[in-house]
Amino acid sequence: MTAVPVDDVVALRLICDGCGAAGPRAVPGTAHHEAWLLLWGQARQDGWRGHDRAIGPHYCPRCAN
C-alpha cells in the first residue's frame, strides 16, 4: 500500500513505490476516501504518477520519469 496513515487515523501521506520517498504533503480528512481523493489530486499536480486508487503503485516525480 502506498497511501499510509500519518500521526492520526484520518491523515494520509503518499510513499513512492520506486525509491520509498514520502510525498511532501500529508492530507487530513474526515474519511480516508475523501482524504485520498484530495491527496492524489494534489500529488498528480506535483508530478506523481500511478494508479488512481490508494492501493498503488505510485511513483514520485523523479521515479515517474
Protein backbone atom coordinates (compact mmCIF):
# COMPACT_ATOMS: atom_id res chain seq x y z
CA MET A 1 0.00 0.00 0.00
CA THR A 2 1.37 3.39 -0.85
CA ALA A 3 -1.06 5.65 0.97
CA VAL A 4 -0.25 5.37 4.66
CA PRO A 5 -1.79 6.87 7.83
CA VAL A 6 0.18 9.70 9.41
CA ASP A 7 0.03 10.50 13.16
CA ASP A 8 -3.72 10.01 13.36
CA VAL A 9 -6.08 7.71 11.53
CA VAL A 10 -7.52 10.41 9.27
CA ALA A 11 -4.36 11.71 7.59
CA LEU A 12 -2.64 10.12 4.61
CA ARG A 13 0.82 10.52 3.06
CA LEU A 14 1.96 9.10 -0.26
CA ILE A 15 5.04 6.81 -0.37
CA CYS A 16 6.89 6.21 -3.66
CA ASP A 17 7.00 2.55 -4.72
CA GLY A 18 10.21 3.24 -6.62
CA CYS A 19 12.53 4.88 -4.10
CA GLY A 20 10.49 4.95 -0.86
CA ALA A 21 10.43 8.73 -0.62
CA ALA A 22 7.50 10.23 1.26
CA GLY A 23 5.29 12.70 -0.52
CA PRO A 24 5.60 16.32 0.56
CA ARG A 25 2.01 16.54 1.75
CA ALA A 26 0.02 14.86 4.47
CA VAL A 27 -3.68 15.43 3.94
CA PRO A 28 -6.15 15.27 6.81
CA GLY A 29 -9.73 14.35 6.07
CA THR A 30 -12.90 13.21 7.71
CA ALA A 31 -12.79 9.88 5.86
CA HIS A 32 -9.97 8.00 4.17
CA HIS A 33 -11.75 8.02 0.79
CA GLU A 34 -12.21 11.79 0.85
CA ALA A 35 -8.63 12.35 2.03
CA TRP A 36 -7.29 10.05 -0.69
CA LEU A 37 -9.10 11.92 -3.47
CA LEU A 38 -7.68 15.21 -2.21
CA LEU A 39 -4.16 13.83 -1.70
CA TRP A 40 -3.98 12.13 -5.10
CA GLY A 41 -5.33 15.19 -6.92
CA GLN A 42 -2.62 17.34 -5.36
CA ALA A 43 0.10 14.72 -5.87
CA ARG A 44 -0.70 14.39 -9.59
CA GLN A 45 -0.30 18.16 -9.94
CA ASP A 46 3.12 17.78 -8.26
CA GLY A 47 4.19 15.19 -10.86
CA TRP A 48 3.36 11.92 -9.09
CA ARG A 49 2.14 9.08 -11.33
CA GLY A 50 0.35 5.83 -10.68
CA HIS A 51 -2.96 4.14 -10.04
CA ASP A 52 -5.95 6.33 -9.18
CA ARG A 53 -6.75 4.15 -6.17
CA ALA A 54 -4.82 4.16 -2.89
CA ILE A 55 -3.68 0.56 -3.42
CA GLY A 56 -0.92 1.75 -5.76
CA PRO A 57 1.60 1.58 -7.20
CA HIS A 58 2.57 5.26 -7.08
CA TYR A 59 5.79 6.96 -8.15
CA CYS A 60 7.32 10.30 -7.16
CA PRO A 61 8.21 12.78 -9.93
CA ARG A 62 11.83 11.53 -10.01
CA CYS A 63 10.86 7.85 -10.41
CA ALA A 64 7.92 8.60 -12.74
CA ASN A 65 10.28 9.82 -15.48
